[in-house]
């Protein structure tokens, strides 16, 4: 199994939405994709918004688990995910990620 973790910092305002609106929009789109069951090999998804609000905090974290690296690679190019990713690139200011075997 592969755990894929992504953290983002969002712009205060982008694409006509506030940070909070973009956080909610992205979380909803990602969860809708997960719940659709369309992504083969995607076993689990959790999304969390930061409550600490420190200078080191990121605004949102995505934790997903995949059957394999091949499933993760397929997810990254899956059309629905690619559309969400393109949107996030417009509203984020920073991104950090790690992929690890579990």
PDB file of N, CA and C in Angstrom:
ATOM      1  N   UNK A   1       0.847  -1.183   0.000  1.00  0.00           N
ATOM      2  CA  UNK A   1       0.000   0.000   0.000  1.00  0.00           C
ATOM      3  C   UNK A   1       0.895   1.250   0.000  1.00  0.00           C
ATOM      4  N   UNK A   2       0.394   2.287  -0.624  1.00  0.00           N
ATOM      5  CA  UNK A   2       1.096   3.565  -0.696  1.00  0.00           C
ATOM      6  C   UNK A   2       0.221   4.639  -0.047  1.00  0.00           C
ATOM      7  N   UNK A   3       0.807   5.373   0.869  1.00  0.00           N
ATOM      8  CA  UNK A   3       0.124   6.536   1.451  1.00  0.00           C
ATOM      9  C   UNK A   3       0.672   7.777   0.771  1.00  0.00           C
ATOM     10  N   UNK A   4      -0.238   8.573   0.230  1.00  0.00           N
ATOM     11  CA  UNK A   4       0.078   9.811  -0.490  1.00  0.00           C
ATOM     12  C   UNK A   4      -0.464  10.968   0.353  1.00  0.00           C
ATOM     13  N   UNK A   5       0.433  11.835   0.804  1.00  0.00           N
ATOM     14  CA  UNK A   5       0.057  12.962   1.658  1.00  0.00           C
ATOM     15  C   UNK A   5       0.437  14.254   0.945  1.00  0.00           C
ATOM     16  N   UNK A   6      -0.528  15.168   0.869  1.00  0.00           N
ATOM     17  CA  UNK A   6      -0.299  16.464   0.236  1.00  0.00           C
ATOM     18  C   UNK A   6      -0.795  17.548   1.185  1.00  0.00           C
ATOM     19  N   UNK A   7       0.000  18.611   1.322  1.00  0.00           N
ATOM     20  CA  UNK A   7      -0.416  19.773   2.107  1.00  0.00           C
ATOM     21  C   UNK A   7      -0.320  21.006   1.228  1.00  0.00           C
ATOM     22  N   UNK A   8      -1.291  21.907   1.388  1.00  0.00           N
ATOM     23  CA  UNK A   8      -1.305  23.141   0.611  1.00  0.00           C
ATOM     24  C   UNK A   8      -1.479  24.356   1.500  1.00  0.00           C
ATOM     25  N   UNK A   9      -0.874  25.449   1.063  1.00  0.00           N
ATOM     26  CA  UNK A   9      -1.191  26.774   1.581  1.00  0.00           C
ATOM     27  C   UNK A   9      -1.976  27.460   0.472  1.00  0.00           C
ATOM     28  N   UNK A  10      -3.080  28.067   0.841  1.00  0.00           N
ATOM     29  CA  UNK A  10      -3.949  28.715  -0.141  1.00  0.00           C
ATOM     30  C   UNK A  10      -3.772  30.227  -0.089  1.00  0.00           C
ATOM     31  N   UNK A  11      -3.973  30.870  -1.235  1.00  0.00           N
ATOM     32  CA  UNK A  11      -3.957  32.332  -1.306  1.00  0.00           C
ATOM     33  C   UNK A  11      -5.153  32.878  -0.527  1.00  0.00           C
ATOM     34  N   UNK A  12      -4.992  34.093   0.001  1.00  0.00           N
ATOM     35  CA  UNK A  12      -6.101  34.718   0.723  1.00  0.00           C
ATOM     36  C   UNK A  12      -7.331  34.855  -0.156  1.00  0.00           C
ATOM     37  N   UNK A  13      -7.096  35.136  -1.437  1.00  0.00           N
ATOM     38  CA  UNK A  13      -8.176  35.237  -2.408  1.00  0.00           C
ATOM     39  C   UNK A  13      -7.636  34.805  -3.765  1.00  0.00           C
ATOM     40  N   UNK A  14      -8.419  33.996  -4.476  1.00  0.00           N
ATOM     41  CA  UNK A  14      -8.012  33.531  -5.807  1.00  0.00           C
ATOM     42  C   UNK A  14      -9.236  33.003  -6.539  1.00  0.00           C
ATOM     43  N   UNK A  15      -9.258  33.201  -7.840  1.00  0.00           N
ATOM     44  CA  UNK A  15     -10.350  32.724  -8.696  1.00  0.00           C
ATOM     45  C   UNK A  15     -11.708  33.216  -8.202  1.00  0.00           C
ATOM     46  N   UNK A  16     -11.733  34.422  -7.638  1.00  0.00           N
ATOM     47  CA  UNK A  16     -12.982  35.018  -7.183  1.00  0.00           C
ATOM     48  C   UNK A  16     -13.525  34.466  -5.884  1.00  0.00           C
ATOM     49  N   UNK A  17     -12.701  33.700  -5.162  1.00  0.00           N
ATOM     50  CA  UNK A  17     -13.137  33.098  -3.900  1.00  0.00           C
ATOM     51  C   UNK A  17     -12.154  33.429  -2.781  1.00  0.00           C
ATOM     52  N   UNK A  18     -12.654  33.440  -1.555  1.00  0.00           N
ATOM     53  CA  UNK A  18     -11.798  33.604  -0.385  1.00  0.00           C
ATOM     54  C   UNK A  18     -11.049  32.301  -0.125  1.00  0.00           C
ATOM     55  N   UNK A  19     -10.061  32.350   0.753  1.00  0.00           N
ATOM     56  CA  UNK A  19      -9.319  31.141   1.139  1.00  0.00           C
ATOM     57  C   UNK A  19     -10.298  30.064   1.620  1.00  0.00           C
ATOM     58  N   UNK A  20     -11.189  30.427   2.531  1.00  0.00           N
ATOM     59  CA  UNK A  20     -12.139  29.453   3.083  1.00  0.00           C
ATOM     60  C   UNK A  20     -13.037  28.858   1.995  1.00  0.00           C
ATOM     61  N   UNK A  21     -13.494  29.692   1.087  1.00  0.00           N
ATOM     62  CA  UNK A  21     -14.335  29.187  -0.005  1.00  0.00           C
ATOM     63  C   UNK A  21     -13.562  28.213  -0.877  1.00  0.00           C
ATOM     64  N   UNK A  22     -12.296  28.514  -1.154  1.00  0.00           N
ATOM     65  CA  UNK A  22     -11.485  27.604  -1.961  1.00  0.00           C
ATOM     66  C   UNK A  22     -11.163  26.320  -1.205  1.00  0.00           C
ATOM     67  N   UNK A  23     -10.912  26.417   0.078  1.00  0.00           N
ATOM     68  CA  UNK A  23     -10.689  25.206   0.877  1.00  0.00           C
ATOM     69  C   UNK A  23     -11.908  24.292   0.790  1.00  0.00           C
ATOM     70  N   UNK A  24     -13.080  24.851   0.993  1.00  0.00           N
ATOM     71  CA  UNK A  24     -14.310  24.055   0.946  1.00  0.00           C
ATOM     72  C   UNK A  24     -14.558  23.492  -0.454  1.00  0.00           C
ATOM     73  N   UNK A  25     -14.328  24.303  -1.476  1.00  0.00           N
ATOM     74  CA  UNK A  25     -14.541  23.886  -2.864  1.00  0.00           C
ATOM     75  C   UNK A  25     -13.631  22.710  -3.224  1.00  0.00           C
ATOM     76  N   UNK A  26     -12.351  22.823  -2.908  1.00  0.00           N
ATOM     77  CA  UNK A  26     -11.397  21.761  -3.235  1.00  0.00           C
ATOM     78  C   UNK A  26     -11.714  20.494  -2.447  1.00  0.00           C
ATOM     79  N   UNK A  27     -12.004  20.631  -1.162  1.00  0.00           N
ATOM     80  CA  UNK A  27     -12.350  19.460  -0.343  1.00  0.00           C
ATOM     81  C   UNK A  27     -13.573  18.746  -0.902  1.00  0.00           C
ATOM     82  N   UNK A  28     -14.585  19.505  -1.290  1.00  0.00           N
ATOM     83  CA  UNK A  28     -15.804  18.914  -1.845  1.00  0.00           C
ATOM     84  C   UNK A  28     -15.513  18.173  -3.143  1.00  0.00           C
ATOM     85  N   UNK A  29     -14.731  18.781  -4.033  1.00  0.00           N
ATOM     86  CA  UNK A  29     -14.403  18.144  -5.311  1.00  0.00           C
ATOM     87  C   UNK A  29     -13.614  16.847  -5.109  1.00  0.00           C
ATOM     88  N   UNK A  30     -12.638  16.876  -4.200  1.00  0.00           N
ATOM     89  CA  UNK A  30     -11.841  15.678  -3.940  1.00  0.00           C
ATOM     90  C   UNK A  30     -12.687  14.563  -3.333  1.00  0.00           C
ATOM     91  N   UNK A  31     -13.535  14.896  -2.367  1.00  0.00           N
ATOM     92  CA  UNK A  31     -14.373  13.876  -1.737  1.00  0.00           C
ATOM     93  C   UNK A  31     -15.399  13.318  -2.716  1.00  0.00           C
ATOM     94  N   UNK A  32     -15.915  14.162  -3.597  1.00  0.00           N
ATOM     95  CA  UNK A  32     -16.846  13.688  -4.615  1.00  0.00           C
ATOM     96  C   UNK A  32     -16.155  12.680  -5.526  1.00  0.00           C
ATOM     97  N   UNK A  33     -14.912  12.971  -5.915  1.00  0.00           N
ATOM     98  CA  UNK A  33     -14.145  12.039  -6.733  1.00  0.00           C
ATOM     99  C   UNK A  33     -13.946  10.722  -6.002  1.00  0.00           C
ATOM    100  N   UNK A  34     -13.554  10.788  -4.737  1.00  0.00           N
ATOM    101  CA  UNK A  34     -13.322   9.576  -3.949  1.00  0.00           C
ATOM    102  C   UNK A  34     -14.608   8.746  -3.831  1.00  0.00           C
ATOM    103  N   UNK A  35     -15.697   9.401  -3.480  1.00  0.00           N
ATOM    104  CA  UNK A  35     -16.962   8.696  -3.268  1.00  0.00           C
ATOM    105  C   UNK A  35     -17.545   8.126  -4.560  1.00  0.00           C
ATOM    106  N   UNK A  36     -17.113   8.654  -5.700  1.00  0.00           N
ATOM    107  CA  UNK A  36     -17.615   8.149  -6.981  1.00  0.00           C
ATOM    108  C   UNK A  36     -17.154   6.720  -7.247  1.00  0.00           C
ATOM    109  N   UNK A  37     -16.034   6.329  -6.625  1.00  0.00           N
ATOM    110  CA  UNK A  37     -15.488   4.992  -6.844  1.00  0.00           C
ATOM    111  C   UNK A  37     -14.846   4.810  -8.207  1.00  0.00           C
ATOM    112  N   UNK A  38     -14.639   5.900  -8.941  1.00  0.00           N
ATOM    113  CA  UNK A  38     -14.089   5.827 -10.299  1.00  0.00           C
ATOM    114  C   UNK A  38     -12.586   5.536 -10.341  1.00  0.00           C
ATOM    115  N   UNK A  39     -11.894   5.814  -9.258  1.00  0.00           N
ATOM    116  CA  UNK A  39     -10.433   5.702  -9.273  1.00  0.00           C
ATOM    117  C   UNK A  39     -10.024   4.327  -8.749  1.00  0.00           C
ATOM    118  N   UNK A  40      -9.597   3.473  -9.656  1.00  0.00           N
ATOM    119  CA  UNK A  40      -9.177   2.120  -9.285  1.00  0.00           C
ATOM    120  C   UNK A  40      -7.972   2.186  -8.353  1.00  0.00           C
ATOM    121  N   UNK A  41      -8.021   1.408  -7.291  1.00  0.00           N
ATOM    122  CA  UNK A  41      -6.889   1.322  -6.381  1.00  0.00           C
ATOM    123  C   UNK A  41      -6.840   2.383  -5.301  1.00  0.00           C
ATOM    124  N   UNK A  42      -7.763   3.339  -5.313  1.00  0.00           N
ATOM    125  CA  UNK A  42      -7.831   4.359  -4.256  1.00  0.00           C
ATOM    126  C   UNK A  42      -8.670   3.785  -3.124  1.00  0.00           C
ATOM    127  N   UNK A  43      -8.036   3.512  -1.992  1.00  0.00           N
ATOM    128  CA  UNK A  43      -8.690   2.816  -0.884  1.00  0.00           C
ATOM    129  C   UNK A  43      -9.219   3.732   0.212  1.00  0.00           C
ATOM    130  N   UNK A  44      -8.583   4.874   0.407  1.00  0.00           N
ATOM    131  CA  UNK A  44      -8.991   5.737   1.514  1.00  0.00           C
ATOM    132  C   UNK A  44      -8.626   7.166   1.187  1.00  0.00           C
ATOM    133  N   UNK A  45      -9.455   8.108   1.666  1.00  0.00           N
ATOM    134  CA  UNK A  45      -9.151   9.524   1.515  1.00  0.00           C
ATOM    135  C   UNK A  45      -9.641  10.255   2.751  1.00  0.00           C
ATOM    136  N   UNK A  46      -8.773  11.094   3.291  1.00  0.00           N
ATOM    137  CA  UNK A  46      -9.131  11.993   4.384  1.00  0.00           C
ATOM    138  C   UNK A  46      -8.640  13.386   4.025  1.00  0.00           C
ATOM    139  N   UNK A  47      -9.447  14.375   4.362  1.00  0.00           N
ATOM    140  CA  UNK A  47      -9.086  15.765   4.119  1.00  0.00           C
ATOM    141  C   UNK A  47      -9.271  16.515   5.423  1.00  0.00           C
ATOM    142  N   UNK A  48      -8.289  17.341   5.772  1.00  0.00           N
ATOM    143  CA  UNK A  48      -8.397  18.136   6.990  1.00  0.00           C
ATOM    144  C   UNK A  48      -7.969  19.565   6.743  1.00  0.00           C
ATOM    145  N   UNK A  49      -8.677  20.485   7.405  1.00  0.00           N
ATOM    146  CA  UNK A  49      -8.304  21.906   7.357  1.00  0.00           C
ATOM    147  C   UNK A  49      -7.589  22.252   8.655  1.00  0.00           C
ATOM    148  N   UNK A  50      -6.550  23.045   8.554  1.00  0.00           N
ATOM    149  CA  UNK A  50      -5.740  23.428   9.702  1.00  0.00           C
ATOM    150  C   UNK A  50      -6.560  24.224  10.718  1.00  0.00           C
ATOM    151  N   UNK A  51      -6.388  23.880  11.983  1.00  0.00           N
ATOM    152  CA  UNK A  51      -7.029  24.629  13.059  1.00  0.00           C
ATOM    153  C   UNK A  51      -5.999  25.359  13.921  1.00  0.00           C
ATOM    154  N   UNK A  52      -4.706  25.062  13.713  1.00  0.00           N
ATOM    155  CA  UNK A  52      -3.651  25.655  14.524  1.00  0.00           C
ATOM    156  C   UNK A  52      -3.306  27.083  14.148  1.00  0.00           C
ATOM    157  N   UNK A  53      -3.331  27.352  12.848  1.00  0.00           N
ATOM    158  CA  UNK A  53      -3.054  28.698  12.314  1.00  0.00           C
ATOM    159  C   UNK A  53      -1.743  29.295  12.829  1.00  0.00           C
ATOM    160  N   UNK A  54      -0.656  28.513  12.756  1.00  0.00           N
ATOM    161  CA  UNK A  54       0.659  29.041  13.104  1.00  0.00           C
ATOM    162  C   UNK A  54       1.375  29.461  11.830  1.00  0.00           C
ATOM    163  N   UNK A  55       2.519  30.117  11.974  1.00  0.00           N
ATOM    164  CA  UNK A  55       3.264  30.544  10.789  1.00  0.00           C
ATOM    165  C   UNK A  55       3.849  29.362  10.015  1.00  0.00           C
ATOM    166  N   UNK A  56       3.917  28.186  10.633  1.00  0.00           N
ATOM    167  CA  UNK A  56       4.425  26.991   9.957  1.00  0.00           C
ATOM    168  C   UNK A  56       3.311  26.131   9.379  1.00  0.00           C
ATOM    169  N   UNK A  57       2.068  26.457   9.662  1.00  0.00           N
ATOM    170  CA  UNK A  57       0.926  25.628   9.252  1.00  0.00           C
ATOM    171  C   UNK A  57       0.655  25.717   7.755  1.00  0.00           C
ATOM    172  N   UNK A  58       0.197  24.618   7.233  1.00  0.00           N
ATOM    173  CA  UNK A  58      -0.413  24.594   5.913  1.00  0.00           C
ATOM    174  C   UNK A  58      -1.922  24.665   6.139  1.00  0.00           C
ATOM    175  N   UNK A  59      -2.668  25.053   5.115  1.00  0.00           N
ATOM    176  CA  UNK A  59      -4.108  25.250   5.275  1.00  0.00           C
ATOM    177  C   UNK A  59      -4.916  23.959   5.182  1.00  0.00           C
ATOM    178  N   UNK A  60      -4.450  23.016   4.383  1.00  0.00           N
ATOM    179  CA  UNK A  60      -5.211  21.783   4.164  1.00  0.00           C
ATOM    180  C   UNK A  60      -4.262  20.622   3.959  1.00  0.00           C
ATOM    181  N   UNK A  61      -4.707  19.448   4.404  1.00  0.00           N
ATOM    182  CA  UNK A  61      -3.960  18.223   4.171  1.00  0.00           C
ATOM    183  C   UNK A  61      -4.883  17.198   3.523  1.00  0.00           C
ATOM    184  N   UNK A  62      -4.321  16.451   2.577  1.00  0.00           N
ATOM    185  CA  UNK A  62      -5.005  15.347   1.918  1.00  0.00           C
ATOM    186  C   UNK A  62      -4.191  14.090   2.197  1.00  0.00           C
ATOM    187  N   UNK A  63      -4.844  13.070   2.742  1.00  0.00           N
ATOM    188  CA  UNK A  63      -4.185  11.790   2.996  1.00  0.00           C
ATOM    189  C   UNK A  63      -4.967  10.728   2.234  1.00  0.00           C
ATOM    190  N   UNK A  64      -4.292  10.071   1.312  1.00  0.00           N
ATOM    191  CA  UNK A  64      -4.918   9.020   0.522  1.00  0.00           C
ATOM    192  C   UNK A  64      -4.090   7.747   0.613  1.00  0.00           C
ATOM    193  N   UNK A  65      -4.745   6.618   0.405  1.00  0.00           N
ATOM    194  CA  UNK A  65      -4.054   5.338   0.377  1.00  0.00           C
ATOM    195  C   UNK A  65      -4.428   4.602  -0.898  1.00  0.00           C
ATOM    196  N   UNK A  66      -3.401   4.064  -1.544  1.00  0.00           N
ATOM    197  CA  UNK A  66      -3.554   3.378  -2.822  1.00  0.00           C
ATOM    198  C   UNK A  66      -2.997   1.965  -2.725  1.00  0.00           C
ATOM    199  N   UNK A  67      -3.515   1.087  -3.563  1.00  0.00           N
ATOM    200  CA  UNK A  67      -3.029  -0.296  -3.600  1.00  0.00           C
ATOM    201  C   UNK A  67      -1.563  -0.385  -3.983  1.00  0.00           C
ATOM    202  N   UNK A  68      -1.109   0.544  -4.845  1.00  0.00           N
ATOM    203  CA  UNK A  68       0.250   0.452  -5.390  1.00  0.00           C
ATOM    204  C   UNK A  68       0.683   1.810  -5.942  1.00  0.00           C
ATOM    205  N   UNK A  69       1.961   1.919  -6.282  1.00  0.00           N
ATOM    206  CA  UNK A  69       2.459   3.131  -6.944  1.00  0.00           C
ATOM    207  C   UNK A  69       1.796   3.294  -8.306  1.00  0.00           C
ATOM    208  N   UNK A  70       1.512   2.192  -8.974  1.00  0.00           N
ATOM    209  CA  UNK A  70       0.847   2.268 -10.275  1.00  0.00           C
ATOM    210  C   UNK A  70      -0.540   2.894 -10.129  1.00  0.00           C
ATOM    211  N   UNK A  71      -1.264   2.534  -9.071  1.00  0.00           N
ATOM    212  CA  UNK A  71      -2.589   3.115  -8.833  1.00  0.00           C
ATOM    213  C   UNK A  71      -2.475   4.610  -8.537  1.00  0.00           C
ATOM    214  N   UNK A  72      -1.453   5.000  -7.773  1.00  0.00           N
ATOM    215  CA  UNK A  72      -1.230   6.421  -7.486  1.00  0.00           C
ATOM    216  C   UNK A  72      -0.906   7.178  -8.772  1.00  0.00           C
ATOM    217  N   UNK A  73      -0.056   6.617  -9.602  1.00  0.00           N
ATOM    218  CA  UNK A  73       0.292   7.258 -10.873  1.00  0.00           C
ATOM    219  C   UNK A  73      -0.941   7.419 -11.761  1.00  0.00           C
ATOM    220  N   UNK A  74      -1.805   6.409 -11.784  1.00  0.00           N
ATOM    221  CA  UNK A  74      -3.027   6.486 -12.581  1.00  0.00           C
ATOM    222  C   UNK A  74      -3.965   7.567 -12.037  1.00  0.00           C
ATOM    223  N   UNK A  75      -4.030   7.698 -10.730  1.00  0.00           N
ATOM    224  CA  UNK A  75      -4.850   8.738 -10.090  1.00  0.00           C
ATOM    225  C   UNK A  75      -4.376  10.130 -10.486  1.00  0.00           C
ATOM    226  N   UNK A  76      -3.079  10.313 -10.531  1.00  0.00           N
ATOM    227  CA  UNK A  76      -2.524  11.633 -10.842  1.00  0.00           C
ATOM    228  C   UNK A  76      -2.916  12.110 -12.244  1.00  0.00           C
ATOM    229  N   UNK A  77      -3.109  11.198 -13.176  1.00  0.00           N
ATOM    230  CA  UNK A  77      -3.487  11.591 -14.536  1.00  0.00           C
ATOM    231  C   UNK A  77      -4.962  11.340 -14.844  1.00  0.00           C
ATOM    232  N   UNK A  78      -5.695  10.814 -13.886  1.00  0.00           N
ATOM    233  CA  UNK A  78      -7.132  10.591 -14.067  1.00  0.00           C
ATOM    234  C   UNK A  78      -7.789  11.934 -14.378  1.00  0.00           C
ATOM    235  N   UNK A  79      -8.601  12.029 -15.431  1.00  0.00           N
ATOM    236  CA  UNK A  79      -9.128  13.329 -15.876  1.00  0.00           C
ATOM    237  C   UNK A  79      -9.810  14.166 -14.791  1.00  0.00           C
ATOM    238  N   UNK A  80     -10.639  13.549 -13.951  1.00  0.00           N
ATOM    239  CA  UNK A  80     -11.314  14.316 -12.894  1.00  0.00           C
ATOM    240  C   UNK A  80     -10.312  14.871 -11.885  1.00  0.00           C
ATOM    241  N   UNK A  81      -9.297  14.065 -11.546  1.00  0.00           N
ATOM    242  CA  UNK A  81      -8.268  14.539 -10.620  1.00  0.00           C
ATOM    243  C   UNK A  81      -7.426  15.634 -11.275  1.00  0.00           C
ATOM    244  N   UNK A  82      -7.095  15.463 -12.542  1.00  0.00           N
ATOM    245  CA  UNK A  82      -6.292  16.464 -13.248  1.00  0.00           C
ATOM    246  C   UNK A  82      -7.004  17.817 -13.261  1.00  0.00           C
ATOM    247  N   UNK A  83      -8.316  17.819 -13.396  1.00  0.00           N
ATOM    248  CA  UNK A  83      -9.080  19.072 -13.383  1.00  0.00           C
ATOM    249  C   UNK A  83      -9.023  19.732 -12.005  1.00  0.00           C
ATOM    250  N   UNK A  84      -9.153  18.926 -10.955  1.00  0.00           N
ATOM    251  CA  UNK A  84      -9.060  19.468  -9.593  1.00  0.00           C
ATOM    252  C   UNK A  84      -7.656  20.013  -9.352  1.00  0.00           C
ATOM    253  N   UNK A  85      -6.661  19.268  -9.760  1.00  0.00           N
ATOM    254  CA  UNK A  85      -5.268  19.675  -9.583  1.00  0.00           C
ATOM    255  C   UNK A  85      -4.982  20.993 -10.301  1.00  0.00           C
ATOM    256  N   UNK A  86      -5.509  21.145 -11.502  1.00  0.00           N
ATOM    257  CA  UNK A  86      -5.308  22.395 -12.258  1.00  0.00           C
ATOM    258  C   UNK A  86      -5.923  23.573 -11.508  1.00  0.00           C
ATOM    259  N   UNK A  87      -7.077  23.368 -10.899  1.00  0.00           N
ATOM    260  CA  UNK A  87      -7.710  24.435 -10.126  1.00  0.00           C
ATOM    261  C   UNK A  87      -6.852  24.779  -8.898  1.00  0.00           C
ATOM    262  N   UNK A  88      -6.405  23.743  -8.187  1.00  0.00           N
ATOM    263  CA  UNK A  88      -5.600  23.966  -6.980  1.00  0.00           C
ATOM    264  C   UNK A  88      -4.344  24.761  -7.318  1.00  0.00           C
ATOM    265  N   UNK A  89      -3.727  24.505  -8.447  1.00  0.00           N
ATOM    266  CA  UNK A  89      -2.529  25.248  -8.848  1.00  0.00           C
ATOM    267  C   UNK A  89      -2.795  26.743  -8.956  1.00  0.00           C
ATOM    268  N   UNK A  90      -4.032  27.110  -9.258  1.00  0.00           N
ATOM    269  CA  UNK A  90      -4.392  28.522  -9.384  1.00  0.00           C
ATOM    270  C   UNK A  90      -4.651  29.192  -8.033  1.00  0.00           C
ATOM    271  N   UNK A  91      -4.969  28.408  -7.011  1.00  0.00           N
ATOM    272  CA  UNK A  91      -5.379  28.998  -5.731  1.00  0.00           C
ATOM    273  C   UNK A  91      -4.393  28.739  -4.595  1.00  0.00           C
ATOM    274  N   UNK A  92      -3.380  27.940  -4.831  1.00  0.00           N
ATOM    275  CA  UNK A  92      -2.406  27.646  -3.774  1.00  0.00           C
ATOM    276  C   UNK A  92      -1.183  28.542  -3.885  1.00  0.00           C
ATOM    277  N   UNK A  93      -0.510  28.704  -2.763  1.00  0.00           N
ATOM    278  CA  UNK A  93       0.749  29.438  -2.751  1.00  0.00           C
ATOM    279  C   UNK A  93       1.921  28.519  -2.436  1.00  0.00           C
ATOM    280  N   UNK A  94       1.639  27.350  -1.878  1.00  0.00           N
ATOM    281  CA  UNK A  94       2.691  26.385  -1.555  1.00  0.00           C
ATOM    282  C   UNK A  94       2.091  24.986  -1.511  1.00  0.00           C
ATOM    283  N   UNK A  95       2.960  23.992  -1.738  1.00  0.00           N
ATOM    284  CA  UNK A  95       2.539  22.597  -1.730  1.00  0.00           C
ATOM    285  C   UNK A  95       3.687  21.752  -1.213  1.00  0.00           C
ATOM    286  N   UNK A  96       3.358  20.760  -0.399  1.00  0.00           N
ATOM    287  CA  UNK A  96       4.348  19.783   0.064  1.00  0.00           C
ATOM    288  C   UNK A  96       3.691  18.408  -0.055  1.00  0.00           C
ATOM    289  N   UNK A  97       4.497  17.414  -0.380  1.00  0.00           N
ATOM    290  CA  UNK A  97       3.941  16.068  -0.563  1.00  0.00           C
ATOM    291  C   UNK A  97       4.940  15.010  -0.126  1.00  0.00           C
ATOM    292  N   UNK A  98       4.408  13.867   0.257  1.00  0.00           N
ATOM    293  CA  UNK A  98       5.234  12.699   0.539  1.00  0.00           C
ATOM    294  C   UNK A  98       4.423  11.452   0.167  1.00  0.00           C
ATOM    295  N   UNK A  99       5.114  10.490  -0.412  1.00  0.00           N
ATOM    296  CA  UNK A  99       4.528   9.193  -0.736  1.00  0.00           C
ATOM    297  C   UNK A  99       5.350   8.139   0.001  1.00  0.00           C
ATOM    298  N   UNK A 100       4.676   7.286   0.775  1.00  0.00           N
ATOM    299  CA  UNK A 100       5.422   6.289   1.534  1.00  0.00           C
ATOM    300  C   UNK A 100       4.698   4.947   1.508  1.00  0.00           C
ATOM    301  N   UNK A 101       5.478   3.893   1.647  1.00  0.00           N
ATOM    302  CA  UNK A 101       4.892   2.558   1.736  1.00  0.00           C
ATOM    303  C   UNK A 101       4.381   2.342   3.148  1.00  0.00           C
ATOM    304  N   UNK A 102       3.227   1.692   3.220  1.00  0.00           N
ATOM    305  CA  UNK A 102       2.667   1.361   4.552  1.00  0.00           C
ATOM    306  C   UNK A 102       2.330  -0.109   4.595  1.00  0.00           C
TER     307      UNK A 102
END
